[in-house]
Amino acid sequence: MQLPIALILRRQEAMTKGICLLLLALALLGCGARETVKRYPMQGDVRALDPVSKTATISAGKIGDWMEPMTMEYPVKPDSELMKLHVGDHIEAAVVVQGEKYYVTDVKVAPKQ
């Protein structure tokens, strides 16, 4: 028994839609892949603090393969880490980097000499 052409075309169209939906779902899963989180040791001097934006301007040396030596503003997390800092402090800390986002944490203030 032969199926009518219209029925064959509907089945083919349904299969095509199903395959397209499957490919779309797989593509969306790939987009949702999380970027890896990297941690880098940092040493630097605190140049300025902004408690409102929860940032510290730090003059830091080279940070792994992520950043050349420079002075820039870093978000500091959690708030308790920011509270440890004072302008002029020499610090050791960790910079956490995920994609375009980054912050400083695990702050250790060097004793004054």
N, C-alpha and C. Protein backbone atom coordinates (compact mmCIF):
# COMPACT_ATOMS: atom_id res chain seq x y z
N MET A 1 0.83 -1.17 0.00
CA MET A 1 0.00 0.00 0.00
C MET A 1 0.88 1.24 0.00
N GLN A 2 0.57 2.20 -0.82
CA GLN A 2 1.34 3.43 -0.93
C GLN A 2 0.64 4.54 -0.14
N LEU A 3 1.47 5.34 0.56
CA LEU A 3 0.93 6.48 1.30
C LEU A 3 0.74 7.64 0.34
N PRO A 4 -0.30 8.42 0.56
CA PRO A 4 -0.48 9.59 -0.29
C PRO A 4 0.68 10.57 -0.13
N ILE A 5 0.99 11.29 -1.18
CA ILE A 5 2.10 12.25 -1.19
C ILE A 5 1.95 13.27 -0.06
N ALA A 6 0.77 13.76 0.19
CA ALA A 6 0.55 14.78 1.23
C ALA A 6 0.99 14.24 2.59
N LEU A 7 0.67 12.99 2.89
CA LEU A 7 1.05 12.39 4.17
C LEU A 7 2.56 12.23 4.27
N ILE A 8 3.19 11.84 3.20
CA ILE A 8 4.66 11.70 3.17
C ILE A 8 5.31 13.05 3.41
N LEU A 9 4.79 14.10 2.76
CA LEU A 9 5.36 15.43 2.92
C LEU A 9 5.18 15.95 4.35
N ARG A 10 4.03 15.67 4.97
CA ARG A 10 3.80 16.10 6.37
C ARG A 10 4.78 15.39 7.31
N ARG A 11 5.00 14.12 7.11
CA ARG A 11 5.95 13.38 7.94
C ARG A 11 7.36 13.93 7.77
N GLN A 12 7.73 14.22 6.52
CA GLN A 12 9.05 14.76 6.24
C GLN A 12 9.21 16.14 6.88
N GLU A 13 8.17 16.97 6.81
CA GLU A 13 8.20 18.30 7.41
C GLU A 13 8.33 18.19 8.94
N ALA A 14 7.61 17.25 9.53
CA ALA A 14 7.68 17.06 10.99
C ALA A 14 9.08 16.60 11.40
N MET A 15 9.68 15.71 10.61
CA MET A 15 11.04 15.25 10.93
C MET A 15 12.03 16.40 10.80
N THR A 16 11.88 17.22 9.77
CA THR A 16 12.77 18.37 9.57
C THR A 16 12.66 19.34 10.74
N LYS A 17 11.44 19.63 11.17
CA LYS A 17 11.24 20.52 12.33
C LYS A 17 11.86 19.92 13.59
N GLY A 18 11.67 18.64 13.78
CA GLY A 18 12.23 17.97 14.96
C GLY A 18 13.76 18.04 14.99
N ILE A 19 14.38 17.81 13.84
CA ILE A 19 15.84 17.88 13.75
C ILE A 19 16.31 19.30 14.01
N CYS A 20 15.60 20.28 13.43
CA CYS A 20 15.98 21.69 13.66
C CYS A 20 15.86 22.06 15.14
N LEU A 21 14.80 21.62 15.80
CA LEU A 21 14.64 21.89 17.23
C LEU A 21 15.74 21.23 18.06
N LEU A 22 16.11 20.03 17.70
CA LEU A 22 17.18 19.33 18.39
C LEU A 22 18.50 20.07 18.23
N LEU A 23 18.82 20.52 17.01
CA LEU A 23 20.05 21.27 16.77
C LEU A 23 20.05 22.60 17.52
N LEU A 24 18.90 23.27 17.56
CA LEU A 24 18.79 24.52 18.29
C LEU A 24 19.02 24.29 19.78
N ALA A 25 18.43 23.25 20.33
CA ALA A 25 18.62 22.94 21.75
C ALA A 25 20.09 22.65 22.06
N LEU A 26 20.76 21.91 21.19
CA LEU A 26 22.18 21.62 21.40
C LEU A 26 23.02 22.89 21.32
N ALA A 27 22.69 23.79 20.40
CA ALA A 27 23.42 25.05 20.29
C ALA A 27 23.23 25.90 21.53
N LEU A 28 22.01 25.95 22.06
CA LEU A 28 21.74 26.72 23.27
C LEU A 28 22.46 26.14 24.48
N LEU A 29 22.57 24.84 24.54
CA LEU A 29 23.32 24.22 25.64
C LEU A 29 24.79 24.64 25.59
N GLY A 30 25.33 24.71 24.39
CA GLY A 30 26.72 25.15 24.24
C GLY A 30 26.91 26.59 24.67
N CYS A 31 25.92 27.43 24.42
CA CYS A 31 26.02 28.85 24.82
C CYS A 31 25.97 28.99 26.33
N GLY A 32 25.32 28.07 27.00
CA GLY A 32 25.18 28.16 28.45
C GLY A 32 26.39 27.63 29.20
N ALA A 33 27.40 27.19 28.48
CA ALA A 33 28.59 26.65 29.15
C ALA A 33 29.25 27.76 29.97
N ARG A 34 29.58 27.45 31.20
CA ARG A 34 30.17 28.44 32.10
C ARG A 34 31.65 28.63 31.77
N GLU A 35 32.06 29.88 31.88
CA GLU A 35 33.46 30.18 31.69
C GLU A 35 34.22 29.70 32.93
N THR A 36 35.45 29.32 32.72
CA THR A 36 36.23 28.84 33.85
C THR A 36 36.62 30.00 34.76
N VAL A 37 36.70 29.71 36.02
CA VAL A 37 37.12 30.69 37.02
C VAL A 37 38.60 30.48 37.27
N LYS A 38 39.37 31.57 37.19
CA LYS A 38 40.80 31.49 37.45
C LYS A 38 41.13 32.37 38.64
N ARG A 39 42.11 31.95 39.42
CA ARG A 39 42.60 32.72 40.58
C ARG A 39 44.08 33.00 40.37
N TYR A 40 44.45 34.24 40.58
CA TYR A 40 45.84 34.65 40.42
C TYR A 40 46.32 35.34 41.69
N PRO A 41 47.55 35.06 42.12
CA PRO A 41 48.12 35.82 43.24
C PRO A 41 48.45 37.23 42.78
N MET A 42 48.30 38.18 43.71
CA MET A 42 48.55 39.58 43.39
C MET A 42 49.30 40.23 44.55
N GLN A 43 50.21 41.11 44.22
CA GLN A 43 50.87 41.96 45.21
C GLN A 43 50.76 43.39 44.72
N GLY A 44 50.50 44.30 45.65
CA GLY A 44 50.40 45.69 45.21
C GLY A 44 50.23 46.65 46.37
N ASP A 45 50.10 47.92 46.01
CA ASP A 45 49.93 48.99 46.98
C ASP A 45 48.57 49.65 46.76
N VAL A 46 47.84 49.86 47.86
CA VAL A 46 46.53 50.49 47.79
C VAL A 46 46.73 51.99 47.60
N ARG A 47 46.18 52.54 46.52
CA ARG A 47 46.31 53.97 46.20
C ARG A 47 45.06 54.75 46.58
N ALA A 48 43.87 54.12 46.51
CA ALA A 48 42.62 54.79 46.85
C ALA A 48 41.57 53.75 47.19
N LEU A 49 40.56 54.17 47.95
CA LEU A 49 39.45 53.29 48.33
C LEU A 49 38.14 54.01 48.06
N ASP A 50 37.15 53.27 47.59
CA ASP A 50 35.82 53.82 47.38
C ASP A 50 34.81 52.87 48.02
N PRO A 51 34.40 53.16 49.27
CA PRO A 51 33.48 52.26 49.96
C PRO A 51 32.10 52.20 49.29
N VAL A 52 31.70 53.25 48.58
CA VAL A 52 30.40 53.26 47.93
C VAL A 52 30.36 52.23 46.80
N SER A 53 31.39 52.25 45.94
CA SER A 53 31.43 51.29 44.83
C SER A 53 32.13 49.99 45.22
N LYS A 54 32.62 49.93 46.47
CA LYS A 54 33.29 48.73 47.01
C LYS A 54 34.49 48.35 46.15
N THR A 55 35.33 49.37 45.83
CA THR A 55 36.51 49.14 45.02
C THR A 55 37.74 49.72 45.69
N ALA A 56 38.88 49.20 45.28
CA ALA A 56 40.18 49.71 45.71
C ALA A 56 41.02 49.94 44.46
N THR A 57 41.68 51.09 44.41
CA THR A 57 42.63 51.35 43.34
C THR A 57 43.96 50.81 43.82
N ILE A 58 44.49 49.84 43.08
CA ILE A 58 45.70 49.12 43.49
C ILE A 58 46.75 49.21 42.39
N SER A 59 47.96 49.57 42.79
CA SER A 59 49.10 49.54 41.89
C SER A 59 49.73 48.16 42.06
N ALA A 60 49.50 47.30 41.09
CA ALA A 60 49.90 45.89 41.22
C ALA A 60 50.97 45.52 40.20
N GLY A 61 51.76 44.53 40.55
CA GLY A 61 52.71 43.95 39.62
C GLY A 61 51.98 43.07 38.63
N LYS A 62 52.72 42.37 37.80
CA LYS A 62 52.13 41.46 36.80
C LYS A 62 51.28 40.42 37.52
N ILE A 63 50.10 40.16 36.97
CA ILE A 63 49.17 39.19 37.55
C ILE A 63 49.06 38.02 36.59
N GLY A 64 49.87 36.99 36.86
CA GLY A 64 49.86 35.79 36.03
C GLY A 64 49.90 36.10 34.54
N ASP A 65 49.11 35.36 33.77
CA ASP A 65 49.01 35.60 32.33
C ASP A 65 47.80 36.48 32.01
N TRP A 66 47.25 37.13 33.06
CA TRP A 66 46.03 37.90 32.90
C TRP A 66 46.28 39.40 32.71
N MET A 67 47.21 39.99 33.47
CA MET A 67 47.35 41.44 33.47
C MET A 67 48.81 41.84 33.66
N GLU A 68 49.25 42.80 32.88
CA GLU A 68 50.58 43.38 33.03
C GLU A 68 50.55 44.33 34.23
N PRO A 69 51.73 44.74 34.75
CA PRO A 69 51.74 45.66 35.89
C PRO A 69 51.03 46.98 35.54
N MET A 70 50.13 47.40 36.44
CA MET A 70 49.44 48.67 36.24
C MET A 70 48.64 49.03 37.48
N THR A 71 48.21 50.28 37.53
CA THR A 71 47.35 50.76 38.59
C THR A 71 45.93 50.81 38.05
N MET A 72 45.01 50.14 38.74
CA MET A 72 43.62 50.15 38.30
C MET A 72 42.69 49.89 39.46
N GLU A 73 41.42 50.10 39.22
CA GLU A 73 40.39 49.92 40.23
C GLU A 73 39.91 48.47 40.20
N TYR A 74 39.86 47.85 41.37
CA TYR A 74 39.40 46.46 41.50
C TYR A 74 38.22 46.40 42.45
N PRO A 75 37.15 45.70 42.09
CA PRO A 75 36.13 45.40 43.08
C PRO A 75 36.75 44.50 44.15
N VAL A 76 36.35 44.67 45.40
CA VAL A 76 36.87 43.85 46.50
C VAL A 76 35.69 43.13 47.15
N LYS A 77 35.79 41.81 47.28
CA LYS A 77 34.72 41.00 47.87
C LYS A 77 35.31 40.07 48.91
N PRO A 78 34.59 39.73 49.93
CA PRO A 78 33.39 40.37 50.43
C PRO A 78 33.72 41.70 51.09
N ASP A 79 32.71 42.37 51.61
CA ASP A 79 32.90 43.68 52.24
C ASP A 79 33.94 43.64 53.35
N SER A 80 34.01 42.53 54.06
CA SER A 80 34.97 42.42 55.18
C SER A 80 36.41 42.53 54.68
N GLU A 81 36.68 42.12 53.45
CA GLU A 81 38.02 42.24 52.88
C GLU A 81 38.33 43.71 52.58
N LEU A 82 37.35 44.45 52.08
CA LEU A 82 37.54 45.87 51.80
C LEU A 82 37.80 46.64 53.09
N MET A 83 37.14 46.23 54.16
CA MET A 83 37.29 46.93 55.45
C MET A 83 38.71 46.81 56.01
N LYS A 84 39.47 45.82 55.58
CA LYS A 84 40.85 45.63 56.04
C LYS A 84 41.80 46.67 55.46
N LEU A 85 41.42 47.29 54.35
CA LEU A 85 42.34 48.09 53.56
C LEU A 85 42.38 49.56 53.98
N HIS A 86 43.58 50.14 53.84
CA HIS A 86 43.80 51.57 54.05
C HIS A 86 44.73 52.05 52.94
N VAL A 87 44.56 53.30 52.53
CA VAL A 87 45.44 53.87 51.51
C VAL A 87 46.88 53.77 52.02
N GLY A 88 47.78 53.30 51.16
CA GLY A 88 49.18 53.13 51.52
C GLY A 88 49.55 51.72 51.92
N ASP A 89 48.55 50.86 52.16
CA ASP A 89 48.84 49.46 52.53
C ASP A 89 49.51 48.73 51.38
N HIS A 90 50.48 47.87 51.72
CA HIS A 90 51.03 46.92 50.76
C HIS A 90 50.29 45.61 51.02
N ILE A 91 49.75 45.01 49.97
CA ILE A 91 48.91 43.82 50.16
C ILE A 91 49.36 42.66 49.30
N GLU A 92 48.96 41.48 49.75
CA GLU A 92 48.96 40.27 48.95
C GLU A 92 47.52 39.83 48.93
N ALA A 93 47.06 39.39 47.77
CA ALA A 93 45.65 39.00 47.64
C ALA A 93 45.51 38.03 46.48
N ALA A 94 44.28 37.63 46.25
CA ALA A 94 43.95 36.80 45.08
C ALA A 94 43.01 37.60 44.20
N VAL A 95 43.24 37.51 42.89
CA VAL A 95 42.32 38.09 41.92
C VAL A 95 41.56 36.93 41.29
N VAL A 96 40.25 36.98 41.38
CA VAL A 96 39.39 35.95 40.79
C VAL A 96 38.87 36.51 39.47
N VAL A 97 39.08 35.74 38.39
CA VAL A 97 38.70 36.19 37.05
C VAL A 97 37.78 35.15 36.42
N GLN A 98 36.61 35.64 35.94
CA GLN A 98 35.70 34.78 35.21
C GLN A 98 35.19 35.58 34.02
N GLY A 99 35.71 35.26 32.85
CA GLY A 99 35.33 35.99 31.65
C GLY A 99 35.80 37.43 31.76
N GLU A 100 34.87 38.37 31.62
CA GLU A 100 35.19 39.80 31.70
C GLU A 100 35.11 40.32 33.14
N LYS A 101 34.62 39.52 34.05
CA LYS A 101 34.45 39.96 35.44
C LYS A 101 35.63 39.52 36.30
N TYR A 102 35.96 40.37 37.28
CA TYR A 102 37.08 40.07 38.17
C TYR A 102 36.85 40.79 39.50
N TYR A 103 37.50 40.27 40.54
CA TYR A 103 37.48 40.93 41.84
C TYR A 103 38.66 40.45 42.67
N VAL A 104 38.97 41.23 43.71
CA VAL A 104 40.06 40.91 44.64
C VAL A 104 39.45 40.32 45.91
N THR A 105 40.10 39.31 46.45
CA THR A 105 39.65 38.68 47.69
C THR A 105 40.87 38.11 48.42
N ASP A 106 40.65 37.51 49.57
CA ASP A 106 41.72 36.88 50.39
C ASP A 106 42.86 37.85 50.62
N VAL A 107 42.52 39.06 51.08
CA VAL A 107 43.50 40.13 51.27
C VAL A 107 44.33 39.91 52.54
N LYS A 108 45.64 40.07 52.40
CA LYS A 108 46.56 40.06 53.54
C LYS A 108 47.35 41.34 53.48
N VAL A 109 47.22 42.16 54.51
CA VAL A 109 47.94 43.43 54.58
C VAL A 109 49.30 43.17 55.19
N ALA A 110 50.37 43.61 54.50
CA ALA A 110 51.73 43.44 55.01
C ALA A 110 51.94 44.38 56.19
N PRO A 111 52.68 43.92 57.22
CA PRO A 111 52.95 44.80 58.35
C PRO A 111 53.74 46.03 57.90
N LYS A 112 53.46 47.17 58.54
CA LYS A 112 54.19 48.40 58.24
C LYS A 112 55.61 48.25 58.71
N GLN A 113 56.55 48.78 57.92
CA GLN A 113 57.98 48.66 58.29
C GLN A 113 58.54 49.97 58.68
